[in-house]
């Protein structure tokens, strides 16, 4: 299953990069802001979730029986957001910024080429 997800992520990244390169206007209109805001939402959700788990841990300390603290800490560790989710969200935010730059660059290049061909 993990290999399948990695393959699908690679295909999605390749496809979105191709769209940003070949069809920059379409990318800016349909994908650029959506990718950025979805990634930002995932990042904030992960951060708020971890803050909530930490807050719950602090509130529950008085109710934990003596000797059960290791079990509770293990349960809370499992409840925290996995690091790869935060890293993936940050990576997709940075990648969406790069793709937005690429689309703008390609639009400028296409305009330059169009003007150069029309002036000749």
PDB file of N, CA and C in Angstrom:
ATOM      1  N   UNK A   1       0.820  -1.191   0.000  1.00  0.00           N
ATOM      2  CA  UNK A   1       0.000   0.000   0.000  1.00  0.00           C
ATOM      3  C   UNK A   1       0.873   1.268   0.000  1.00  0.00           C
ATOM      4  N   UNK A   2       1.969   1.216   0.758  1.00  0.00           N
ATOM      5  CA  UNK A   2       2.855   2.371   0.838  1.00  0.00           C
ATOM      6  C   UNK A   2       3.463   2.669  -0.533  1.00  0.00           C
ATOM      7  N   UNK A   3       3.879   1.634  -1.255  1.00  0.00           N
ATOM      8  CA  UNK A   3       4.453   1.839  -2.595  1.00  0.00           C
ATOM      9  C   UNK A   3       3.428   2.446  -3.542  1.00  0.00           C
ATOM     10  N   UNK A   4       2.189   2.011  -3.423  1.00  0.00           N
ATOM     11  CA  UNK A   4       1.118   2.551  -4.260  1.00  0.00           C
ATOM     12  C   UNK A   4       0.930   4.047  -3.988  1.00  0.00           C
ATOM     13  N   UNK A   5       0.906   4.428  -2.705  1.00  0.00           N
ATOM     14  CA  UNK A   5       0.721   5.831  -2.354  1.00  0.00           C
ATOM     15  C   UNK A   5       1.887   6.689  -2.834  1.00  0.00           C
ATOM     16  N   UNK A   6       3.094   6.170  -2.706  1.00  0.00           N
ATOM     17  CA  UNK A   6       4.264   6.911  -3.178  1.00  0.00           C
ATOM     18  C   UNK A   6       4.208   7.077  -4.692  1.00  0.00           C
ATOM     19  N   UNK A   7       3.814   6.032  -5.388  1.00  0.00           N
ATOM     20  CA  UNK A   7       3.689   6.102  -6.848  1.00  0.00           C
ATOM     21  C   UNK A   7       2.630   7.111  -7.258  1.00  0.00           C
ATOM     22  N   UNK A   8       1.493   7.099  -6.581  1.00  0.00           N
ATOM     23  CA  UNK A   8       0.423   8.041  -6.906  1.00  0.00           C
ATOM     24  C   UNK A   8       0.835   9.480  -6.598  1.00  0.00           C
ATOM     25  N   UNK A   9       1.562   9.675  -5.503  1.00  0.00           N
ATOM     26  CA  UNK A   9       2.048  11.023  -5.169  1.00  0.00           C
ATOM     27  C   UNK A   9       3.031  11.504  -6.234  1.00  0.00           C
ATOM     28  N   UNK A  10       3.920  10.623  -6.676  1.00  0.00           N
ATOM     29  CA  UNK A  10       4.862  10.986  -7.734  1.00  0.00           C
ATOM     30  C   UNK A  10       4.152  11.332  -9.033  1.00  0.00           C
ATOM     31  N   UNK A  11       3.121  10.565  -9.368  1.00  0.00           N
ATOM     32  CA  UNK A  11       2.355  10.846 -10.583  1.00  0.00           C
ATOM     33  C   UNK A  11       1.621  12.184 -10.472  1.00  0.00           C
ATOM     34  N   UNK A  12       1.064  12.461  -9.307  1.00  0.00           N
ATOM     35  CA  UNK A  12       0.356  13.729  -9.108  1.00  0.00           C
ATOM     36  C   UNK A  12       1.313  14.910  -9.191  1.00  0.00           C
ATOM     37  N   UNK A  13       2.477  14.781  -8.585  1.00  0.00           N
ATOM     38  CA  UNK A  13       3.471  15.851  -8.628  1.00  0.00           C
ATOM     39  C   UNK A  13       3.934  16.084 -10.063  1.00  0.00           C
ATOM     40  N   UNK A  14       4.174  15.010 -10.788  1.00  0.00           N
ATOM     41  CA  UNK A  14       4.599  15.141 -12.189  1.00  0.00           C
ATOM     42  C   UNK A  14       3.521  15.800 -13.033  1.00  0.00           C
ATOM     43  N   UNK A  15       2.290  15.377 -12.842  1.00  0.00           N
ATOM     44  CA  UNK A  15       1.183  15.945 -13.614  1.00  0.00           C
ATOM     45  C   UNK A  15       0.969  17.414 -13.330  1.00  0.00           C
ATOM     46  N   UNK A  16       0.998  17.793 -12.074  1.00  0.00           N
ATOM     47  CA  UNK A  16       0.795  19.194 -11.710  1.00  0.00           C
ATOM     48  C   UNK A  16       1.952  20.048 -12.207  1.00  0.00           C
ATOM     49  N   UNK A  17       3.168  19.525 -12.144  1.00  0.00           N
ATOM     50  CA  UNK A  17       4.326  20.264 -12.652  1.00  0.00           C
ATOM     51  C   UNK A  17       4.209  20.453 -14.163  1.00  0.00           C
ATOM     52  N   UNK A  18       3.772  19.421 -14.876  1.00  0.00           N
ATOM     53  CA  UNK A  18       3.578  19.521 -16.323  1.00  0.00           C
ATOM     54  C   UNK A  18       2.542  20.590 -16.651  1.00  0.00           C
ATOM     55  N   UNK A  19       1.440  20.612 -15.908  1.00  0.00           N
ATOM     56  CA  UNK A  19       0.395  21.612 -16.154  1.00  0.00           C
ATOM     57  C   UNK A  19       0.938  23.019 -15.899  1.00  0.00           C
ATOM     58  N   UNK A  20       1.698  23.193 -14.807  1.00  0.00           N
ATOM     59  CA  UNK A  20       2.260  24.513 -14.504  1.00  0.00           C
ATOM     60  C   UNK A  20       3.231  24.955 -15.590  1.00  0.00           C
ATOM     61  N   UNK A  21       3.954  24.012 -16.183  1.00  0.00           N
ATOM     62  CA  UNK A  21       4.951  24.339 -17.203  1.00  0.00           C
ATOM     63  C   UNK A  21       4.311  24.602 -18.564  1.00  0.00           C
ATOM     64  N   UNK A  22       3.397  23.747 -18.965  1.00  0.00           N
ATOM     65  CA  UNK A  22       2.823  23.846 -20.313  1.00  0.00           C
ATOM     66  C   UNK A  22       1.580  24.736 -20.390  1.00  0.00           C
ATOM     67  N   UNK A  23       0.826  24.818 -19.308  1.00  0.00           N
ATOM     68  CA  UNK A  23      -0.428  25.584 -19.297  1.00  0.00           C
ATOM     69  C   UNK A  23      -0.470  26.485 -18.063  1.00  0.00           C
ATOM     70  N   UNK A  24       0.403  27.489 -18.005  1.00  0.00           N
ATOM     71  CA  UNK A  24       0.522  28.294 -16.787  1.00  0.00           C
ATOM     72  C   UNK A  24      -0.742  29.061 -16.410  1.00  0.00           C
ATOM     73  N   UNK A  25      -1.498  29.557 -17.399  1.00  0.00           N
ATOM     74  CA  UNK A  25      -2.723  30.298 -17.084  1.00  0.00           C
ATOM     75  C   UNK A  25      -3.743  29.382 -16.412  1.00  0.00           C
ATOM     76  N   UNK A  26      -3.895  28.182 -16.958  1.00  0.00           N
ATOM     77  CA  UNK A  26      -4.829  27.205 -16.388  1.00  0.00           C
ATOM     78  C   UNK A  26      -4.391  26.805 -14.975  1.00  0.00           C
ATOM     79  N   UNK A  27      -3.093  26.602 -14.789  1.00  0.00           N
ATOM     80  CA  UNK A  27      -2.591  26.231 -13.463  1.00  0.00           C
ATOM     81  C   UNK A  27      -2.889  27.321 -12.445  1.00  0.00           C
ATOM     82  N   UNK A  28      -2.597  28.565 -12.790  1.00  0.00           N
ATOM     83  CA  UNK A  28      -2.841  29.668 -11.864  1.00  0.00           C
ATOM     84  C   UNK A  28      -4.327  29.795 -11.533  1.00  0.00           C
ATOM     85  N   UNK A  29      -5.161  29.551 -12.515  1.00  0.00           N
ATOM     86  CA  UNK A  29      -6.605  29.691 -12.299  1.00  0.00           C
ATOM     87  C   UNK A  29      -7.174  28.551 -11.465  1.00  0.00           C
ATOM     88  N   UNK A  30      -6.763  27.320 -11.723  1.00  0.00           N
ATOM     89  CA  UNK A  30      -7.400  26.151 -11.125  1.00  0.00           C
ATOM     90  C   UNK A  30      -6.659  25.515  -9.956  1.00  0.00           C
ATOM     91  N   UNK A  31      -5.348  25.592  -9.921  1.00  0.00           N
ATOM     92  CA  UNK A  31      -4.599  24.784  -8.953  1.00  0.00           C
ATOM     93  C   UNK A  31      -3.802  25.570  -7.918  1.00  0.00           C
ATOM     94  N   UNK A  32      -3.205  26.666  -8.312  1.00  0.00           N
ATOM     95  CA  UNK A  32      -2.195  27.317  -7.488  1.00  0.00           C
ATOM     96  C   UNK A  32      -2.682  27.625  -6.077  1.00  0.00           C
ATOM     97  N   UNK A  33      -3.737  28.379  -5.952  1.00  0.00           N
ATOM     98  CA  UNK A  33      -4.229  28.759  -4.625  1.00  0.00           C
ATOM     99  C   UNK A  33      -4.831  27.577  -3.880  1.00  0.00           C
ATOM    100  N   UNK A  34      -5.471  26.680  -4.597  1.00  0.00           N
ATOM    101  CA  UNK A  34      -6.094  25.531  -3.932  1.00  0.00           C
ATOM    102  C   UNK A  34      -5.061  24.635  -3.270  1.00  0.00           C
ATOM    103  N   UNK A  35      -3.976  24.353  -3.981  1.00  0.00           N
ATOM    104  CA  UNK A  35      -2.918  23.518  -3.405  1.00  0.00           C
ATOM    105  C   UNK A  35      -2.333  24.193  -2.172  1.00  0.00           C
ATOM    106  N   UNK A  36      -2.067  25.481  -2.268  1.00  0.00           N
ATOM    107  CA  UNK A  36      -1.470  26.214  -1.154  1.00  0.00           C
ATOM    108  C   UNK A  36      -2.387  26.197   0.070  1.00  0.00           C
ATOM    109  N   UNK A  37      -3.660  26.528  -0.115  1.00  0.00           N
ATOM    110  CA  UNK A  37      -4.565  26.635   1.030  1.00  0.00           C
ATOM    111  C   UNK A  37      -4.926  25.278   1.633  1.00  0.00           C
ATOM    112  N   UNK A  38      -5.024  24.251   0.826  1.00  0.00           N
ATOM    113  CA  UNK A  38      -5.273  22.915   1.371  1.00  0.00           C
ATOM    114  C   UNK A  38      -4.074  22.465   2.201  1.00  0.00           C
ATOM    115  N   UNK A  39      -2.882  22.691   1.689  1.00  0.00           N
ATOM    116  CA  UNK A  39      -1.667  22.332   2.441  1.00  0.00           C
ATOM    117  C   UNK A  39      -1.566  23.128   3.735  1.00  0.00           C
ATOM    118  N   UNK A  40      -1.886  24.401   3.673  1.00  0.00           N
ATOM    119  CA  UNK A  40      -1.860  25.238   4.868  1.00  0.00           C
ATOM    120  C   UNK A  40      -2.902  24.774   5.880  1.00  0.00           C
ATOM    121  N   UNK A  41      -4.078  24.376   5.406  1.00  0.00           N
ATOM    122  CA  UNK A  41      -5.111  23.852   6.297  1.00  0.00           C
ATOM    123  C   UNK A  41      -4.675  22.565   6.985  1.00  0.00           C
ATOM    124  N   UNK A  42      -4.045  21.682   6.236  1.00  0.00           N
ATOM    125  CA  UNK A  42      -3.540  20.434   6.831  1.00  0.00           C
ATOM    126  C   UNK A  42      -2.483  20.733   7.881  1.00  0.00           C
ATOM    127  N   UNK A  43      -1.589  21.664   7.586  1.00  0.00           N
ATOM    128  CA  UNK A  43      -0.547  22.030   8.545  1.00  0.00           C
ATOM    129  C   UNK A  43      -1.153  22.599   9.826  1.00  0.00           C
ATOM    130  N   UNK A  44      -2.100  23.534   9.702  1.00  0.00           N
ATOM    131  CA  UNK A  44      -2.736  24.101  10.883  1.00  0.00           C
ATOM    132  C   UNK A  44      -3.530  23.056  11.662  1.00  0.00           C
ATOM    133  N   UNK A  45      -4.220  22.165  10.960  1.00  0.00           N
ATOM    134  CA  UNK A  45      -4.969  21.114  11.646  1.00  0.00           C
ATOM    135  C   UNK A  45      -4.038  20.210  12.447  1.00  0.00           C
ATOM    136  N   UNK A  46      -2.895  19.865  11.884  1.00  0.00           N
ATOM    137  CA  UNK A  46      -1.929  19.022  12.593  1.00  0.00           C
ATOM    138  C   UNK A  46      -1.372  19.741  13.814  1.00  0.00           C
ATOM    139  N   UNK A  47      -1.082  21.027  13.672  1.00  0.00           N
ATOM    140  CA  UNK A  47      -0.544  21.795  14.797  1.00  0.00           C
ATOM    141  C   UNK A  47      -1.590  21.922  15.900  1.00  0.00           C
ATOM    142  N   UNK A  48      -2.826  22.267  15.540  1.00  0.00           N
ATOM    143  CA  UNK A  48      -3.881  22.404  16.546  1.00  0.00           C
ATOM    144  C   UNK A  48      -4.180  21.069  17.219  1.00  0.00           C
ATOM    145  N   UNK A  49      -4.128  19.991  16.463  1.00  0.00           N
ATOM    146  CA  UNK A  49      -4.346  18.663  17.043  1.00  0.00           C
ATOM    147  C   UNK A  49      -3.285  18.360  18.094  1.00  0.00           C
ATOM    148  N   UNK A  50      -2.026  18.616  17.764  1.00  0.00           N
ATOM    149  CA  UNK A  50      -0.945  18.355  18.715  1.00  0.00           C
ATOM    150  C   UNK A  50      -1.049  19.240  19.956  1.00  0.00           C
ATOM    151  N   UNK A  51      -1.453  20.486  19.762  1.00  0.00           N
ATOM    152  CA  UNK A  51      -1.645  21.377  20.911  1.00  0.00           C
ATOM    153  C   UNK A  51      -2.776  20.857  21.792  1.00  0.00           C
ATOM    154  N   UNK A  52      -3.843  20.364  21.170  1.00  0.00           N
ATOM    155  CA  UNK A  52      -4.957  19.799  21.933  1.00  0.00           C
ATOM    156  C   UNK A  52      -4.551  18.563  22.718  1.00  0.00           C
ATOM    157  N   UNK A  53      -3.758  17.705  22.118  1.00  0.00           N
ATOM    158  CA  UNK A  53      -3.289  16.502  22.810  1.00  0.00           C
ATOM    159  C   UNK A  53      -2.397  16.893  23.989  1.00  0.00           C
ATOM    160  N   UNK A  54      -1.508  17.849  23.788  1.00  0.00           N
ATOM    161  CA  UNK A  54      -0.637  18.298  24.883  1.00  0.00           C
ATOM    162  C   UNK A  54      -1.449  18.930  26.009  1.00  0.00           C
ATOM    163  N   UNK A  55      -2.446  19.717  25.648  1.00  0.00           N
ATOM    164  CA  UNK A  55      -3.307  20.340  26.654  1.00  0.00           C
ATOM    165  C   UNK A  55      -4.079  19.285  27.436  1.00  0.00           C
ATOM    166  N   UNK A  56      -4.590  18.281  26.737  1.00  0.00           N
ATOM    167  CA  UNK A  56      -5.305  17.195  27.410  1.00  0.00           C
ATOM    168  C   UNK A  56      -4.383  16.442  28.351  1.00  0.00           C
ATOM    169  N   UNK A  57      -3.156  16.251  27.951  1.00  0.00           N
ATOM    170  CA  UNK A  57      -2.190  15.566  28.807  1.00  0.00           C
ATOM    171  C   UNK A  57      -1.974  16.347  30.100  1.00  0.00           C
ATOM    172  N   UNK A  58      -1.839  17.648  29.992  1.00  0.00           N
ATOM    173  CA  UNK A  58      -1.633  18.470  31.185  1.00  0.00           C
ATOM    174  C   UNK A  58      -2.856  18.443  32.101  1.00  0.00           C
ATOM    175  N   UNK A  59      -4.036  18.402  31.527  1.00  0.00           N
ATOM    176  CA  UNK A  59      -5.255  18.376  32.340  1.00  0.00           C
ATOM    177  C   UNK A  59      -5.481  17.018  32.993  1.00  0.00           C
ATOM    178  N   UNK A  60      -5.001  15.965  32.376  1.00  0.00           N
ATOM    179  CA  UNK A  60      -5.253  14.616  32.894  1.00  0.00           C
ATOM    180  C   UNK A  60      -4.209  14.130  33.889  1.00  0.00           C
ATOM    181  N   UNK A  61      -3.109  14.824  34.034  1.00  0.00           N
ATOM    182  CA  UNK A  61      -2.038  14.387  34.942  1.00  0.00           C
ATOM    183  C   UNK A  61      -2.553  14.097  36.358  1.00  0.00           C
ATOM    184  N   UNK A  62      -3.420  14.935  36.960  1.00  0.00           N
ATOM    185  CA  UNK A  62      -3.876  14.628  38.327  1.00  0.00           C
ATOM    186  C   UNK A  62      -4.719  13.351  38.437  1.00  0.00           C
ATOM    187  N   UNK A  63      -5.291  12.886  37.326  1.00  0.00           N
ATOM    188  CA  UNK A  63      -6.183  11.733  37.370  1.00  0.00           C
ATOM    189  C   UNK A  63      -5.502  10.412  37.008  1.00  0.00           C
ATOM    190  N   UNK A  64      -4.232  10.477  36.651  1.00  0.00           N
ATOM    191  CA  UNK A  64      -3.512   9.271  36.236  1.00  0.00           C
ATOM    192  C   UNK A  64      -3.063   8.512  37.479  1.00  0.00           C
ATOM    193  N   UNK A  65      -3.364   7.230  37.515  1.00  0.00           N
ATOM    194  CA  UNK A  65      -2.968   6.396  38.654  1.00  0.00           C
ATOM    195  C   UNK A  65      -1.448   6.243  38.679  1.00  0.00           C
ATOM    196  N   UNK A  66      -0.956   6.027  39.868  1.00  0.00           N
ATOM    197  CA  UNK A  66       0.481   5.792  40.043  1.00  0.00           C
ATOM    198  C   UNK A  66       0.866   4.518  39.314  1.00  0.00           C
ATOM    199  N   UNK A  67       1.910   4.550  38.520  1.00  0.00           N
ATOM    200  CA  UNK A  67       2.391   3.374  37.802  1.00  0.00           C
ATOM    201  C   UNK A  67       1.803   3.232  36.410  1.00  0.00           C
ATOM    202  N   UNK A  68       0.788   4.016  36.084  1.00  0.00           N
ATOM    203  CA  UNK A  68       0.176   3.931  34.756  1.00  0.00           C
ATOM    204  C   UNK A  68       0.678   5.026  33.827  1.00  0.00           C
ATOM    205  N   UNK A  69       1.612   5.819  34.312  1.00  0.00           N
ATOM    206  CA  UNK A  69       2.047   6.972  33.518  1.00  0.00           C
ATOM    207  C   UNK A  69       2.735   6.554  32.218  1.00  0.00           C
ATOM    208  N   UNK A  70       3.450   5.445  32.224  1.00  0.00           N
ATOM    209  CA  UNK A  70       4.112   5.025  30.989  1.00  0.00           C
ATOM    210  C   UNK A  70       3.092   4.606  29.934  1.00  0.00           C
ATOM    211  N   UNK A  71       2.017   3.961  30.359  1.00  0.00           N
ATOM    212  CA  UNK A  71       0.965   3.570  29.413  1.00  0.00           C
ATOM    213  C   UNK A  71       0.253   4.798  28.854  1.00  0.00           C
ATOM    214  N   UNK A  72       0.000   5.769  29.714  1.00  0.00           N
ATOM    215  CA  UNK A  72      -0.663   6.992  29.269  1.00  0.00           C
ATOM    216  C   UNK A  72       0.241   7.770  28.316  1.00  0.00           C
ATOM    217  N   UNK A  73       1.516   7.858  28.632  1.00  0.00           N
ATOM    218  CA  UNK A  73       2.447   8.560  27.744  1.00  0.00           C
ATOM    219  C   UNK A  73       2.534   7.872  26.388  1.00  0.00           C
ATOM    220  N   UNK A  74       2.496   6.551  26.377  1.00  0.00           N
ATOM    221  CA  UNK A  74       2.516   5.814  25.105  1.00  0.00           C
ATOM    222  C   UNK A  74       1.257   6.105  24.294  1.00  0.00           C
ATOM    223  N   UNK A  75       0.112   6.146  24.966  1.00  0.00           N
ATOM    224  CA  UNK A  75      -1.145   6.451  24.273  1.00  0.00           C
ATOM    225  C   UNK A  75      -1.140   7.868  23.718  1.00  0.00           C
ATOM    226  N   UNK A  76      -0.627   8.808  24.493  1.00  0.00           N
ATOM    227  CA  UNK A  76      -0.557  10.188  24.017  1.00  0.00           C
ATOM    228  C   UNK A  76       0.453  10.335  22.880  1.00  0.00           C
ATOM    229  N   UNK A  77       1.535   9.592  22.936  1.00  0.00           N
ATOM    230  CA  UNK A  77       2.517   9.628  21.847  1.00  0.00           C
ATOM    231  C   UNK A  77       1.886   9.132  20.554  1.00  0.00           C
ATOM    232  N   UNK A  78       1.068   8.093  20.672  1.00  0.00           N
ATOM    233  CA  UNK A  78       0.386   7.581  19.479  1.00  0.00           C
ATOM    234  C   UNK A  78      -0.667   8.553  18.971  1.00  0.00           C
ATOM    235  N   UNK A  79      -1.224   9.372  19.873  1.00  0.00           N
ATOM    236  CA  UNK A  79      -2.268  10.324  19.475  1.00  0.00           C
ATOM    237  C   UNK A  79      -1.702  11.539  18.759  1.00  0.00           C
ATOM    238  N   UNK A  80      -0.440  11.845  18.960  1.00  0.00           N
ATOM    239  CA  UNK A  80       0.169  12.996  18.288  1.00  0.00           C
ATOM    240  C   UNK A  80       0.242  12.765  16.786  1.00  0.00           C
ATOM    241  N   UNK A  81       0.221  13.863  16.057  1.00  0.00           N
ATOM    242  CA  UNK A  81       0.342  13.806  14.604  1.00  0.00           C
ATOM    243  C   UNK A  81       1.727  13.299  14.236  1.00  0.00           C
ATOM    244  N   UNK A  82       1.772  12.440  13.256  1.00  0.00           N
ATOM    245  CA  UNK A  82       3.061  11.915  12.785  1.00  0.00           C
ATOM    246  C   UNK A  82       3.865  13.038  12.145  1.00  0.00           C
ATOM    247  N   UNK A  83       5.174  12.973  12.321  1.00  0.00           N
ATOM    248  CA  UNK A  83       6.040  14.033  11.807  1.00  0.00           C
ATOM    249  C   UNK A  83       5.969  14.140  10.295  1.00  0.00           C
ATOM    250  N   UNK A  84       5.781  13.023   9.612  1.00  0.00           N
ATOM    251  CA  UNK A  84       5.774  13.077   8.152  1.00  0.00           C
ATOM    252  C   UNK A  84       4.580  13.853   7.608  1.00  0.00           C
ATOM    253  N   UNK A  85       3.495  13.954   8.373  1.00  0.00           N
ATOM    254  CA  UNK A  85       2.344  14.747   7.929  1.00  0.00           C
ATOM    255  C   UNK A  85       2.718  16.222   7.911  1.00  0.00           C
ATOM    256  N   UNK A  86       3.372  16.676   8.963  1.00  0.00           N
ATOM    257  CA  UNK A  86       3.789  18.078   9.029  1.00  0.00           C
ATOM    258  C   UNK A  86       4.849  18.373   7.973  1.00  0.00           C
ATOM    259  N   UNK A  87       5.798  17.469   7.796  1.00  0.00           N
ATOM    260  CA  UNK A  87       6.839  17.664   6.784  1.00  0.00           C
ATOM    261  C   UNK A  87       6.229  17.678   5.383  1.00  0.00           C
ATOM    262  N   UNK A  88       5.285  16.789   5.116  1.00  0.00           N
ATOM    263  CA  UNK A  88       4.636  16.753   3.802  1.00  0.00           C
ATOM    264  C   UNK A  88       3.829  18.027   3.556  1.00  0.00           C
ATOM    265  N   UNK A  89       3.139  18.526   4.579  1.00  0.00           N
ATOM    266  CA  UNK A  89       2.369  19.760   4.414  1.00  0.00           C
ATOM    267  C   UNK A  89       3.293  20.939   4.141  1.00  0.00           C
ATOM    268  N   UNK A  90       4.384  21.046   4.893  1.00  0.00           N
ATOM    269  CA  UNK A  90       5.352  22.117   4.642  1.00  0.00           C
ATOM    270  C   UNK A  90       5.963  21.991   3.246  1.00  0.00           C
ATOM    271  N   UNK A  91       6.294  20.766   2.856  1.00  0.00           N
ATOM    272  CA  UNK A  91       6.856  20.541   1.529  1.00  0.00           C
ATOM    273  C   UNK A  91       5.896  20.924   0.424  1.00  0.00           C
ATOM    274  N   UNK A  92       4.624  20.599   0.589  1.00  0.00           N
ATOM    275  CA  UNK A  92       3.662  20.941  -0.462  1.00  0.00           C
ATOM    276  C   UNK A  92       3.400  22.444  -0.511  1.00  0.00           C
ATOM    277  N   UNK A  93       3.492  23.133   0.633  1.00  0.00           N
ATOM    278  CA  UNK A  93       3.374  24.591   0.613  1.00  0.00           C
ATOM    279  C   UNK A  93       4.542  25.194  -0.170  1.00  0.00           C
ATOM    280  N   UNK A  94       5.744  24.747   0.133  1.00  0.00           N
ATOM    281  CA  UNK A  94       6.911  25.262  -0.587  1.00  0.00           C
ATOM    282  C   UNK A  94       6.855  24.897  -2.069  1.00  0.00           C
ATOM    283  N   UNK A  95       6.410  23.681  -2.376  1.00  0.00           N
ATOM    284  CA  UNK A  95       6.322  23.255  -3.767  1.00  0.00           C
ATOM    285  C   UNK A  95       5.251  24.042  -4.513  1.00  0.00           C
ATOM    286  N   UNK A  96       4.134  24.355  -3.854  1.00  0.00           N
ATOM    287  CA  UNK A  96       3.104  25.154  -4.514  1.00  0.00           C
ATOM    288  C   UNK A  96       3.617  26.562  -4.802  1.00  0.00           C
ATOM    289  N   UNK A  97       4.451  27.085  -3.900  1.00  0.00           N
ATOM    290  CA  UNK A  97       5.056  28.392  -4.156  1.00  0.00           C
ATOM    291  C   UNK A  97       6.003  28.321  -5.356  1.00  0.00           C
ATOM    292  N   UNK A  98       6.783  27.238  -5.450  1.00  0.00           N
ATOM    293  CA  UNK A  98       7.666  27.057  -6.598  1.00  0.00           C
ATOM    294  C   UNK A  98       6.860  26.937  -7.896  1.00  0.00           C
ATOM    295  N   UNK A  99       5.780  26.165  -7.864  1.00  0.00           N
ATOM    296  CA  UNK A  99       4.973  25.993  -9.072  1.00  0.00           C
ATOM    297  C   UNK A  99       4.305  27.297  -9.487  1.00  0.00           C
ATOM    298  N   UNK A 100       3.912  28.094  -8.525  1.00  0.00           N
ATOM    299  CA  UNK A 100       3.340  29.396  -8.854  1.00  0.00           C
ATOM    300  C   UNK A 100       4.391  30.279  -9.528  1.00  0.00           C
ATOM    301  N   UNK A 101       5.610  30.248  -9.000  1.00  0.00           N
ATOM    302  CA  UNK A 101       6.695  30.989  -9.640  1.00  0.00           C
ATOM    303  C   UNK A 101       6.939  30.470 -11.054  1.00  0.00           C
ATOM    304  N   UNK A 102       6.950  29.140 -11.216  1.00  0.00           N
ATOM    305  CA  UNK A 102       7.179  28.534 -12.529  1.00  0.00           C
ATOM    306  C   UNK A 102       6.102  28.945 -13.517  1.00  0.00           C
ATOM    307  N   UNK A 103       4.854  28.931 -13.101  1.00  0.00           N
ATOM    308  CA  UNK A 103       3.767  29.320 -13.995  1.00  0.00           C
ATOM    309  C   UNK A 103       3.901  30.789 -14.406  1.00  0.00           C
ATOM    310  N   UNK A 104       4.217  31.654 -13.456  1.00  0.00           N
ATOM    311  CA  UNK A 104       4.409  33.069 -13.792  1.00  0.00           C
ATOM    312  C   UNK A 104       5.595  33.257 -14.726  1.00  0.00           C
ATOM    313  N   UNK A 105       6.669  32.540 -14.481  1.00  0.00           N
ATOM    314  CA  UNK A 105       7.848  32.607 -15.340  1.00  0.00           C
ATOM    315  C   UNK A 105       7.503  32.154 -16.763  1.00  0.00           C
ATOM    316  N   UNK A 106       6.762  31.051 -16.862  1.00  0.00           N
ATOM    317  CA  UNK A 106       6.404  30.539 -18.195  1.00  0.00           C
ATOM    318  C   UNK A 106       5.452  31.505 -18.914  1.00  0.00           C
ATOM    319  N   UNK A 107       4.546  32.148 -18.195  1.00  0.00           N
ATOM    320  CA  UNK A 107       3.671  33.143 -18.821  1.00  0.00           C
ATOM    321  C   UNK A 107       4.499  34.293 -19.384  1.00  0.00           C
ATOM    322  N   UNK A 108       5.477  34.761 -18.597  1.00  0.00           N
ATOM    323  CA  UNK A 108       6.343  35.855 -19.070  1.00  0.00           C
ATOM    324  C   UNK A 108       7.161  35.426 -20.276  1.00  0.00           C
ATOM    325  N   UNK A 109       7.684  34.218 -20.255  1.00  0.00           N
ATOM    326  CA  UNK A 109       8.466  33.713 -21.392  1.00  0.00           C
ATOM    327  C   UNK A 109       7.586  33.582 -22.637  1.00  0.00           C
ATOM    328  N   UNK A 110       6.375  33.091 -22.462  1.00  0.00           N
ATOM    329  CA  UNK A 110       5.460  32.956 -23.605  1.00  0.00           C
ATOM    330  C   UNK A 110       5.111  34.321 -24.183  1.00  0.00           C
ATOM    331  N   UNK A 111       4.923  35.311 -23.316  1.00  0.00           N
ATOM    332  CA  UNK A 111       4.628  36.660 -23.795  1.00  0.00           C
ATOM    333  C   UNK A 111       5.823  37.249 -24.528  1.00  0.00           C
ATOM    334  N   UNK A 112       7.023  37.052 -24.013  1.00  0.00           N
ATOM    335  CA  UNK A 112       8.231  37.547 -24.687  1.00  0.00           C
ATOM    336  C   UNK A 112       8.384  36.913 -26.057  1.00  0.00           C
ATOM    337  N   UNK A 113       8.204  35.599 -26.118  1.00  0.00           N
ATOM    338  CA  UNK A 113       8.329  34.896 -27.401  1.00  0.00           C
ATOM    339  C   UNK A 113       7.272  35.366 -28.382  1.00  0.00           C
ATOM    340  N   UNK A 114       6.061  35.603 -27.894  1.00  0.00           N
ATOM    341  CA  UNK A 114       4.979  36.071 -28.763  1.00  0.00           C
ATOM    342  C   UNK A 114       5.290  37.453 -29.309  1.00  0.00           C
ATOM    343  N   UNK A 115       5.758  38.339 -28.429  1.00  0.00           N
ATOM    344  CA  UNK A 115       6.091  39.700 -28.878  1.00  0.00           C
ATOM    345  C   UNK A 115       7.279  39.704 -29.834  1.00  0.00           C
ATOM    346  N   UNK A 116       8.278  38.853 -29.581  1.00  0.00           N
ATOM    347  CA  UNK A 116       9.450  38.777 -30.451  1.00  0.00           C
ATOM    348  C   UNK A 116       9.060  38.280 -31.839  1.00  0.00           C
ATOM    349  N   UNK A 117       8.204  37.268 -31.897  1.00  0.00           N
ATOM    350  CA  UNK A 117       7.787  36.740 -33.200  1.00  0.00           C
ATOM    351  C   UNK A 117       6.936  37.734 -33.956  1.00  0.00           C
ATOM    352  N   UNK A 118       6.112  38.506 -33.261  1.00  0.00           N
ATOM    353  CA  UNK A 118       5.256  39.492 -33.927  1.00  0.00           C
ATOM    354  C   UNK A 118       6.046  40.717 -34.389  1.00  0.00           C
ATOM    355  N   UNK A 119       7.157  41.023 -33.742  1.00  0.00           N
ATOM    356  CA  UNK A 119       7.986  42.177 -34.136  1.00  0.00           C
ATOM    357  C   UNK A 119       8.891  41.861 -35.317  1.00  0.00           C
ATOM    358  N   UNK A 120       9.082  40.620 -35.615  1.00  0.00           N
ATOM    359  CA  UNK A 120       9.974  40.252 -36.731  1.00  0.00           C
ATOM    360  C   UNK A 120       9.325  40.384 -38.054  1.00  0.00           C
TER     361      UNK A 120
END
